[in-house]
């Protein structure tokens, strides 16, 4: 009887646990799934920090970007990117968290600023 009660309690706990939404997410920070608009005046968080994120890729449609890495807890970068500070992501090229000489935690926040004019930045994340 005790064994059945324990099994029943375990089943209730498992079935009542909230389901986690995992999978691929496109433009999570954009309004309604649209690309994030990044200008030249101030940095924009194009990806929030997320400890569930496994990997990501970004694509700037028309302007080079300068970016800095924040925390997985969504804390802002210690130094805000500017026209002269931050690593460059070239327009028209995909960049992933571990590609093209960039290596950073997949969970980190990413803030960017455009260098030559406002651009749309597309993001892909796997959670």
N, C-alpha and C. Protein backbone atom coordinates (compact mmCIF):
# COMPACT_ATOMS: atom_id res chain seq x y z
N UNK A 1 0.82 -1.19 0.00
CA UNK A 1 0.00 0.00 0.00
C UNK A 1 0.87 1.27 0.00
N UNK A 2 1.89 1.24 0.84
CA UNK A 2 2.80 2.38 0.89
C UNK A 2 3.49 2.56 -0.45
N UNK A 3 3.87 1.46 -1.07
CA UNK A 3 4.54 1.52 -2.37
C UNK A 3 3.63 2.17 -3.41
N UNK A 4 2.37 1.81 -3.43
CA UNK A 4 1.41 2.40 -4.37
C UNK A 4 1.23 3.89 -4.10
N UNK A 5 1.21 4.27 -2.86
CA UNK A 5 1.06 5.68 -2.51
C UNK A 5 2.27 6.49 -2.97
N UNK A 6 3.46 5.93 -2.80
CA UNK A 6 4.67 6.62 -3.24
C UNK A 6 4.68 6.74 -4.75
N UNK A 7 4.35 5.66 -5.46
CA UNK A 7 4.30 5.71 -6.92
C UNK A 7 3.25 6.71 -7.41
N UNK A 8 2.11 6.73 -6.76
CA UNK A 8 1.05 7.69 -7.14
C UNK A 8 1.51 9.12 -6.91
N UNK A 9 2.19 9.37 -5.80
CA UNK A 9 2.69 10.72 -5.51
C UNK A 9 3.74 11.13 -6.53
N UNK A 10 4.62 10.21 -6.89
CA UNK A 10 5.64 10.52 -7.89
C UNK A 10 5.01 10.82 -9.25
N UNK A 11 4.00 10.07 -9.61
CA UNK A 11 3.31 10.29 -10.88
C UNK A 11 2.63 11.66 -10.89
N UNK A 12 2.02 12.04 -9.80
CA UNK A 12 1.38 13.35 -9.71
C UNK A 12 2.42 14.47 -9.85
N UNK A 13 3.57 14.31 -9.20
CA UNK A 13 4.61 15.33 -9.28
C UNK A 13 5.12 15.46 -10.70
N UNK A 14 5.39 14.34 -11.36
CA UNK A 14 5.91 14.37 -12.73
C UNK A 14 4.89 14.97 -13.68
N UNK A 15 3.65 14.59 -13.57
CA UNK A 15 2.63 15.08 -14.50
C UNK A 15 2.24 16.53 -14.24
N UNK A 16 2.45 17.02 -13.02
CA UNK A 16 2.06 18.40 -12.73
C UNK A 16 3.19 19.40 -12.93
N UNK A 17 4.40 18.92 -13.20
CA UNK A 17 5.53 19.83 -13.42
C UNK A 17 5.30 20.63 -14.69
N UNK A 18 5.61 21.93 -14.68
CA UNK A 18 5.42 22.74 -15.88
C UNK A 18 6.34 22.27 -17.00
N UNK A 19 5.81 22.28 -18.20
CA UNK A 19 6.60 21.87 -19.37
C UNK A 19 7.52 23.00 -19.77
N UNK A 20 8.75 22.69 -20.03
CA UNK A 20 9.71 23.69 -20.48
C UNK A 20 9.62 23.80 -22.00
N UNK A 21 9.64 25.04 -22.49
CA UNK A 21 9.57 25.27 -23.92
C UNK A 21 10.98 25.32 -24.48
N UNK A 22 11.39 24.27 -25.13
CA UNK A 22 12.71 24.21 -25.73
C UNK A 22 12.57 24.05 -27.23
N UNK A 23 13.58 24.45 -27.94
CA UNK A 23 13.57 24.32 -29.39
C UNK A 23 14.30 25.48 -30.01
N UNK A 24 13.97 25.78 -31.24
CA UNK A 24 14.61 26.86 -31.96
C UNK A 24 13.74 28.11 -31.90
N UNK A 25 14.39 29.24 -31.68
CA UNK A 25 13.69 30.51 -31.56
C UNK A 25 14.32 31.50 -32.54
N UNK A 26 13.50 32.16 -33.34
CA UNK A 26 13.98 33.15 -34.30
C UNK A 26 13.60 34.54 -33.78
N UNK A 27 14.55 35.45 -33.76
CA UNK A 27 14.32 36.86 -33.38
C UNK A 27 13.56 37.01 -32.07
N UNK A 28 14.06 36.37 -31.03
CA UNK A 28 13.39 36.39 -29.72
C UNK A 28 13.25 37.80 -29.15
N UNK A 29 14.19 38.69 -29.43
CA UNK A 29 14.15 40.05 -28.89
C UNK A 29 13.40 41.02 -29.79
N UNK A 30 13.05 40.61 -30.99
CA UNK A 30 12.33 41.48 -31.91
C UNK A 30 10.85 41.51 -31.63
N UNK A 31 10.20 42.61 -31.94
CA UNK A 31 8.76 42.75 -31.73
C UNK A 31 8.02 41.80 -32.66
N UNK A 32 7.27 40.87 -32.10
CA UNK A 32 6.48 39.95 -32.90
C UNK A 32 7.32 39.04 -33.78
N UNK A 33 8.55 38.76 -33.40
CA UNK A 33 9.42 37.89 -34.18
C UNK A 33 10.16 38.59 -35.31
N UNK A 34 10.06 39.92 -35.37
CA UNK A 34 10.77 40.68 -36.40
C UNK A 34 12.24 40.83 -36.00
N UNK A 35 13.12 41.10 -36.96
CA UNK A 35 14.52 41.35 -36.60
C UNK A 35 14.64 42.55 -35.66
N UNK A 36 15.71 42.59 -34.90
CA UNK A 36 15.97 43.69 -33.98
C UNK A 36 16.59 44.84 -34.78
N UNK A 37 16.06 46.04 -34.60
CA UNK A 37 16.61 47.22 -35.27
C UNK A 37 17.73 47.80 -34.42
N UNK A 38 18.92 47.93 -35.02
CA UNK A 38 20.09 48.43 -34.30
C UNK A 38 20.58 49.68 -35.02
N UNK A 39 20.72 50.77 -34.27
CA UNK A 39 21.17 52.03 -34.83
C UNK A 39 22.59 52.38 -34.42
N UNK A 40 22.98 53.61 -34.75
CA UNK A 40 24.35 54.06 -34.50
C UNK A 40 24.49 54.92 -33.24
N UNK A 41 23.39 55.26 -32.58
CA UNK A 41 23.46 56.18 -31.44
C UNK A 41 23.65 55.50 -30.09
N UNK A 42 23.05 54.33 -29.90
CA UNK A 42 23.20 53.64 -28.62
C UNK A 42 23.11 52.14 -28.84
N UNK A 43 23.76 51.41 -27.96
CA UNK A 43 23.78 49.95 -28.05
C UNK A 43 22.41 49.36 -27.74
N UNK A 44 22.15 48.22 -28.35
CA UNK A 44 20.88 47.51 -28.17
C UNK A 44 21.19 46.07 -27.78
N UNK A 45 20.43 45.54 -26.84
CA UNK A 45 20.57 44.12 -26.48
C UNK A 45 19.88 43.30 -27.57
N UNK A 46 20.67 42.66 -28.41
CA UNK A 46 20.04 41.88 -29.48
C UNK A 46 19.70 40.47 -29.03
N UNK A 47 20.35 39.99 -27.97
CA UNK A 47 19.98 38.73 -27.35
C UNK A 47 20.12 38.87 -25.84
N UNK A 48 19.04 38.59 -25.14
CA UNK A 48 19.08 38.62 -23.68
C UNK A 48 19.88 37.43 -23.17
N UNK A 49 20.49 37.59 -22.01
CA UNK A 49 21.15 36.46 -21.38
C UNK A 49 20.13 35.39 -21.03
N UNK A 50 20.46 34.14 -21.26
CA UNK A 50 19.51 33.04 -21.02
C UNK A 50 20.28 31.77 -20.68
N UNK A 51 20.22 31.32 -19.42
CA UNK A 51 20.97 30.13 -19.04
C UNK A 51 20.50 28.85 -19.74
N UNK A 52 19.32 28.88 -20.39
CA UNK A 52 18.82 27.70 -21.10
C UNK A 52 19.34 27.61 -22.53
N UNK A 53 19.93 28.70 -23.07
CA UNK A 53 20.36 28.71 -24.46
C UNK A 53 21.55 27.80 -24.67
N UNK A 54 21.49 26.98 -25.71
CA UNK A 54 22.55 26.04 -26.05
C UNK A 54 23.49 26.64 -27.09
N UNK A 55 22.93 27.31 -28.08
CA UNK A 55 23.73 27.91 -29.15
C UNK A 55 22.95 29.04 -29.80
N UNK A 56 23.66 29.85 -30.59
CA UNK A 56 23.00 30.96 -31.29
C UNK A 56 23.77 31.33 -32.54
N UNK A 57 23.10 32.07 -33.41
CA UNK A 57 23.73 32.68 -34.58
C UNK A 57 23.03 34.01 -34.84
N UNK A 58 23.77 34.98 -35.38
CA UNK A 58 23.18 36.28 -35.73
C UNK A 58 23.61 36.66 -37.13
N UNK A 59 22.83 37.58 -37.72
CA UNK A 59 23.08 38.04 -39.08
C UNK A 59 22.66 39.50 -39.17
N UNK A 60 23.61 40.39 -39.42
CA UNK A 60 23.31 41.80 -39.62
C UNK A 60 23.04 42.02 -41.11
N UNK A 61 21.90 42.58 -41.43
CA UNK A 61 21.48 42.68 -42.82
C UNK A 61 22.24 43.72 -43.64
N UNK A 62 22.60 44.88 -43.03
CA UNK A 62 23.16 45.93 -43.89
C UNK A 62 24.29 46.77 -43.30
N UNK A 63 24.66 46.59 -42.05
CA UNK A 63 25.72 47.40 -41.45
C UNK A 63 26.59 46.51 -40.57
N UNK A 64 27.89 46.80 -40.55
CA UNK A 64 28.76 46.14 -39.60
C UNK A 64 28.33 46.53 -38.19
N UNK A 65 28.57 45.64 -37.23
CA UNK A 65 28.22 45.89 -35.84
C UNK A 65 29.47 45.83 -34.98
N UNK A 66 29.44 46.52 -33.85
CA UNK A 66 30.40 46.30 -32.77
C UNK A 66 29.58 45.80 -31.59
N UNK A 67 30.06 44.73 -30.97
CA UNK A 67 29.29 44.07 -29.91
C UNK A 67 30.15 43.79 -28.69
N UNK A 68 29.49 43.70 -27.55
CA UNK A 68 30.13 43.32 -26.29
C UNK A 68 29.24 42.30 -25.59
N UNK A 69 29.86 41.47 -24.78
CA UNK A 69 29.18 40.36 -24.13
C UNK A 69 28.81 40.73 -22.69
N UNK A 70 27.57 40.45 -22.33
CA UNK A 70 27.10 40.62 -20.96
C UNK A 70 27.01 39.26 -20.27
N UNK A 71 26.19 39.18 -19.25
CA UNK A 71 26.10 37.96 -18.46
C UNK A 71 24.93 37.06 -18.85
N UNK A 72 25.03 35.81 -18.45
CA UNK A 72 23.94 34.86 -18.66
C UNK A 72 22.72 35.24 -17.82
N UNK A 73 22.94 36.05 -16.78
CA UNK A 73 21.85 36.53 -15.93
C UNK A 73 21.20 37.79 -16.53
N UNK A 74 21.53 38.09 -17.78
CA UNK A 74 21.03 39.25 -18.53
C UNK A 74 21.61 40.57 -18.04
N UNK A 75 22.73 40.52 -17.33
CA UNK A 75 23.40 41.76 -16.93
C UNK A 75 24.08 42.37 -18.16
N UNK A 76 24.10 43.69 -18.19
CA UNK A 76 24.70 44.41 -19.33
C UNK A 76 26.21 44.19 -19.36
N UNK A 77 26.82 44.36 -20.53
CA UNK A 77 28.28 44.26 -20.60
C UNK A 77 28.94 45.30 -19.69
N UNK A 78 30.11 44.98 -19.17
CA UNK A 78 30.84 45.91 -18.31
C UNK A 78 31.21 47.17 -19.10
N UNK A 79 31.51 47.01 -20.38
CA UNK A 79 31.81 48.14 -21.26
C UNK A 79 30.80 48.11 -22.40
N UNK A 80 30.08 49.20 -22.57
CA UNK A 80 29.08 49.27 -23.64
C UNK A 80 29.77 49.40 -25.00
N UNK A 81 29.28 48.65 -26.00
CA UNK A 81 29.90 48.79 -27.32
C UNK A 81 29.66 50.19 -27.89
N UNK A 82 30.62 50.63 -28.71
CA UNK A 82 30.52 51.93 -29.35
C UNK A 82 31.16 51.81 -30.74
N UNK A 83 31.28 52.92 -31.43
CA UNK A 83 31.89 52.90 -32.76
C UNK A 83 33.35 52.44 -32.71
N UNK A 84 33.99 52.55 -31.55
CA UNK A 84 35.39 52.17 -31.45
C UNK A 84 35.67 51.04 -30.45
N UNK A 85 34.66 50.59 -29.71
CA UNK A 85 34.84 49.52 -28.72
C UNK A 85 33.93 48.35 -29.02
N UNK A 86 34.48 47.15 -28.91
CA UNK A 86 33.71 45.94 -29.13
C UNK A 86 34.26 45.15 -30.30
N UNK A 87 33.86 43.90 -30.39
CA UNK A 87 34.32 43.08 -31.50
C UNK A 87 33.39 43.31 -32.69
N UNK A 88 33.94 43.21 -33.89
CA UNK A 88 33.18 43.52 -35.11
C UNK A 88 32.49 42.27 -35.64
N UNK A 89 31.25 42.44 -36.02
CA UNK A 89 30.51 41.43 -36.78
C UNK A 89 30.17 42.08 -38.11
N UNK A 90 30.67 41.51 -39.18
CA UNK A 90 30.49 42.07 -40.52
C UNK A 90 29.07 41.88 -41.01
N UNK A 91 28.57 42.87 -41.74
CA UNK A 91 27.24 42.78 -42.35
C UNK A 91 27.24 41.67 -43.39
N UNK A 92 26.11 40.99 -43.50
CA UNK A 92 25.96 39.97 -44.53
C UNK A 92 26.67 38.66 -44.24
N UNK A 93 27.17 38.48 -43.03
CA UNK A 93 27.84 37.23 -42.66
C UNK A 93 27.23 36.68 -41.37
N UNK A 94 26.97 35.40 -41.35
CA UNK A 94 26.46 34.76 -40.14
C UNK A 94 27.59 34.65 -39.11
N UNK A 95 27.24 34.86 -37.85
CA UNK A 95 28.20 34.71 -36.76
C UNK A 95 27.54 33.84 -35.69
N UNK A 96 28.27 32.85 -35.23
CA UNK A 96 27.78 31.97 -34.17
C UNK A 96 28.62 32.17 -32.92
N UNK A 97 28.16 31.64 -31.79
CA UNK A 97 28.85 31.89 -30.52
C UNK A 97 30.24 31.27 -30.48
N UNK A 98 30.55 30.36 -31.37
CA UNK A 98 31.89 29.75 -31.32
C UNK A 98 32.58 29.77 -32.69
N UNK A 99 32.16 30.66 -33.56
CA UNK A 99 32.75 30.68 -34.90
C UNK A 99 33.55 31.93 -35.19
N UNK A 100 34.39 31.86 -36.21
CA UNK A 100 35.15 32.99 -36.72
C UNK A 100 35.91 33.74 -35.63
N UNK A 101 36.68 33.05 -34.89
CA UNK A 101 37.54 33.58 -33.82
C UNK A 101 36.77 34.22 -32.67
N UNK A 102 35.48 33.99 -32.61
CA UNK A 102 34.70 34.46 -31.46
C UNK A 102 34.36 33.25 -30.61
N UNK A 103 34.63 33.31 -29.35
CA UNK A 103 34.30 32.22 -28.45
C UNK A 103 33.73 32.83 -27.18
N UNK A 104 32.46 32.59 -26.94
CA UNK A 104 31.81 33.13 -25.75
C UNK A 104 30.75 32.14 -25.30
N UNK A 105 30.33 32.22 -24.05
CA UNK A 105 29.28 31.32 -23.59
C UNK A 105 27.99 31.54 -24.37
N UNK A 106 27.35 30.47 -24.75
CA UNK A 106 26.10 30.56 -25.53
C UNK A 106 25.01 31.28 -24.74
N UNK A 107 25.10 31.27 -23.43
CA UNK A 107 24.05 31.85 -22.59
C UNK A 107 24.18 33.36 -22.40
N UNK A 108 25.26 33.95 -22.83
CA UNK A 108 25.55 35.35 -22.55
C UNK A 108 24.63 36.32 -23.30
N UNK A 109 24.42 37.47 -22.70
CA UNK A 109 23.71 38.58 -23.35
C UNK A 109 24.65 39.20 -24.38
N UNK A 110 24.09 39.70 -25.48
CA UNK A 110 24.90 40.32 -26.52
C UNK A 110 24.30 41.68 -26.87
N UNK A 111 25.08 42.74 -26.62
CA UNK A 111 24.69 44.11 -26.94
C UNK A 111 25.51 44.59 -28.13
N UNK A 112 24.85 45.27 -29.09
CA UNK A 112 25.55 45.72 -30.29
C UNK A 112 25.12 47.13 -30.68
N UNK A 113 25.98 47.76 -31.47
CA UNK A 113 25.69 49.06 -32.06
C UNK A 113 26.10 48.98 -33.53
N UNK A 114 25.33 49.63 -34.41
CA UNK A 114 25.65 49.63 -35.84
C UNK A 114 26.73 50.67 -36.12
N UNK A 115 27.54 50.42 -37.15
CA UNK A 115 28.64 51.33 -37.46
C UNK A 115 28.32 52.32 -38.57
N UNK A 116 27.53 51.92 -39.56
CA UNK A 116 27.34 52.80 -40.72
C UNK A 116 25.90 53.22 -40.97
N UNK A 117 24.97 52.78 -40.18
CA UNK A 117 23.56 53.13 -40.36
C UNK A 117 22.69 52.08 -39.71
N UNK A 118 21.44 52.40 -39.52
CA UNK A 118 20.52 51.46 -38.88
C UNK A 118 20.41 50.18 -39.70
N UNK A 119 20.41 49.06 -39.01
CA UNK A 119 20.33 47.76 -39.67
C UNK A 119 19.40 46.86 -38.90
N UNK A 120 18.85 45.87 -39.57
CA UNK A 120 18.09 44.82 -38.92
C UNK A 120 19.04 43.67 -38.61
N UNK A 121 18.90 43.11 -37.42
CA UNK A 121 19.74 41.98 -37.01
C UNK A 121 18.83 40.81 -36.72
N UNK A 122 19.06 39.72 -37.46
CA UNK A 122 18.29 38.49 -37.26
C UNK A 122 19.04 37.59 -36.29
N UNK A 123 18.30 36.94 -35.42
CA UNK A 123 18.92 36.03 -34.45
C UNK A 123 18.26 34.67 -34.52
N UNK A 124 19.05 33.65 -34.25
CA UNK A 124 18.56 32.28 -34.13
C UNK A 124 19.14 31.71 -32.84
N UNK A 125 18.29 31.10 -32.04
CA UNK A 125 18.73 30.52 -30.79
C UNK A 125 18.19 29.11 -30.65
N UNK A 126 18.98 28.25 -30.04
CA UNK A 126 18.51 26.92 -29.69
C UNK A 126 18.49 26.83 -28.19
N UNK A 127 17.35 26.41 -27.65
CA UNK A 127 17.19 26.29 -26.20
C UNK A 127 16.78 24.89 -25.84
